[in-house]
Amino acid sequence: MNFPSTSPGFSTATDALKVHTWQLGPGQPTLVLDQFSAEDFHMVVDDRADVHVNSKDGRFYLGWFPLGRPGGDGEGWKIAVTGTTKVPGYSISFDAATPADIVAATVTCVLETAHPR
């Protein structure tokens, strides 16, 4: 005797789904933090072990919050660039589980836009 399937969803072969393995987990924060030299940036580790990086001109900020940013909604990384009188600045946030490789790539792009006057 055959009974029709009563489970919801669809049926297909695994190969047809093209299943991927995706990078997950925070990875190594040093991939991000190693991009900053003492010559151009100040780095402070606070009493919560959060790391704060500022450019010497004060216009760039990166914060790494391994346990989440205080008062934030799961923010693990915060990047901010201060604007000028004519152009507004911007900020970028990533949650604490975002792979460091992705944050590092973003930081690289941001740093590449900086040019000394």
Protein backbone atom coordinates (compact mmCIF):
# COMPACT_ATOMS: atom_id res chain seq x y z
CA MET A 1 0.00 0.00 0.00
CA ASN A 2 1.33 3.50 -0.87
CA PHE A 3 0.43 6.56 1.11
CA PRO A 4 0.86 10.08 -0.24
CA SER A 5 3.32 12.29 1.61
CA THR A 6 1.63 14.60 4.08
CA SER A 7 4.72 16.60 5.03
CA PRO A 8 4.87 20.20 3.83
CA GLY A 9 7.66 21.43 1.59
CA PHE A 10 9.16 20.09 -1.55
CA SER A 11 11.27 17.19 -2.63
CA THR A 12 14.46 17.48 -4.65
CA ALA A 13 17.90 15.98 -4.97
CA THR A 14 20.71 17.45 -2.88
CA ASP A 15 22.76 18.15 -6.01
CA ALA A 16 19.98 20.34 -7.38
CA LEU A 17 20.15 22.56 -4.27
CA LYS A 18 23.83 23.38 -4.90
CA VAL A 19 24.52 23.31 -1.17
CA HIS A 20 27.45 25.50 -0.09
CA THR A 21 29.59 25.68 2.99
CA TRP A 22 29.58 29.27 4.23
CA GLN A 23 32.12 30.94 6.47
CA LEU A 24 30.58 31.34 9.92
CA GLY A 25 31.84 32.47 13.28
CA PRO A 26 33.84 35.51 14.32
CA GLY A 27 37.26 34.20 13.26
CA GLN A 28 40.42 36.05 14.27
CA PRO A 29 40.01 39.75 15.09
CA THR A 30 43.72 40.26 14.48
CA LEU A 31 42.90 40.14 10.74
CA VAL A 32 41.18 43.49 11.32
CA LEU A 33 43.34 45.00 14.05
CA ASP A 34 46.68 44.24 12.38
CA GLN A 35 45.80 46.75 9.64
CA PHE A 36 46.49 49.68 11.97
CA SER A 37 49.97 51.05 12.62
CA ALA A 38 50.99 52.97 15.74
CA GLU A 39 52.33 55.62 13.38
CA ASP A 40 48.86 56.54 12.08
CA PHE A 41 46.41 55.27 14.72
CA HIS A 42 45.81 55.19 18.47
CA MET A 43 44.61 51.88 19.94
CA VAL A 44 43.08 51.53 23.39
CA VAL A 45 41.86 48.38 25.14
CA ASP A 46 39.37 49.29 27.84
CA ASP A 47 38.41 47.54 31.08
CA ARG A 48 35.84 45.34 29.24
CA ALA A 49 38.54 44.22 26.77
CA ASP A 50 36.83 46.20 24.01
CA VAL A 51 39.28 47.63 21.48
CA HIS A 52 39.01 51.20 20.18
CA VAL A 53 41.08 52.43 17.24
CA ASN A 54 41.17 56.10 16.22
CA SER A 55 43.05 57.80 13.43
CA LYS A 56 45.41 60.46 14.69
CA ASP A 57 43.31 63.12 12.95
CA GLY A 58 40.25 61.82 14.85
CA ARG A 59 38.08 61.25 11.77
CA PHE A 60 38.20 57.42 11.68
CA TYR A 61 36.99 55.12 14.46
CA LEU A 62 36.84 51.36 14.74
CA GLY A 63 35.47 49.60 17.79
CA TRP A 64 35.63 45.86 18.46
CA PHE A 65 33.25 44.63 21.13
CA PRO A 66 33.74 40.86 21.63
CA LEU A 67 30.81 40.65 24.08
CA GLY A 68 28.64 43.13 22.18
CA ARG A 69 28.65 46.90 22.26
CA PRO A 70 27.19 48.35 25.47
CA GLY A 71 23.79 49.76 24.63
CA GLY A 72 23.98 48.27 21.15
CA ASP A 73 21.85 45.54 19.66
CA GLY A 74 24.46 42.80 19.24
CA GLU A 75 27.01 45.08 17.57
CA GLY A 76 30.44 43.50 17.60
CA TRP A 77 32.18 45.92 15.22
CA LYS A 78 31.60 49.61 14.59
CA ILE A 79 33.34 51.64 11.91
CA ALA A 80 32.73 55.39 11.66
CA VAL A 81 34.18 58.11 9.48
CA THR A 82 33.43 61.71 10.42
CA GLY A 83 32.15 63.90 7.62
CA THR A 84 33.09 67.42 6.63
CA THR A 85 31.09 70.64 6.55
CA LYS A 86 30.01 69.73 3.01
CA VAL A 87 29.76 65.93 3.03
CA PRO A 88 28.21 63.83 5.83
CA GLY A 89 30.14 61.00 7.42
CA TYR A 90 29.00 57.40 7.71
CA SER A 91 29.11 54.39 9.98
CA ILE A 92 29.05 50.66 9.42
CA SER A 93 28.17 48.02 12.01
CA PHE A 94 28.61 44.26 12.10
CA ASP A 95 27.31 41.88 14.72
CA ALA A 96 29.69 39.99 16.96
CA ALA A 97 29.37 36.78 14.89
CA THR A 98 30.40 38.39 11.59
CA PRO A 99 33.58 36.70 10.32
CA ALA A 100 36.63 38.90 10.88
CA ASP A 101 37.67 38.34 7.25
CA ILE A 102 34.58 40.26 6.11
CA VAL A 103 35.19 43.10 8.57
CA ALA A 104 38.87 43.18 7.52
CA ALA A 105 37.91 43.49 3.85
CA THR A 106 35.57 46.38 4.70
CA VAL A 107 38.24 48.13 6.77
CA THR A 108 40.69 47.71 3.89
CA CYS A 109 38.24 49.43 1.53
CA VAL A 110 37.65 52.28 3.99
CA LEU A 111 41.37 52.81 4.62
CA GLU A 112 42.06 52.86 0.87
CA THR A 113 39.80 55.92 0.57
CA ALA A 114 41.94 57.93 3.00
CA HIS A 115 44.42 60.37 1.44
CA PRO A 116 46.67 62.79 3.32
CA ARG A 117 46.11 66.45 2.58
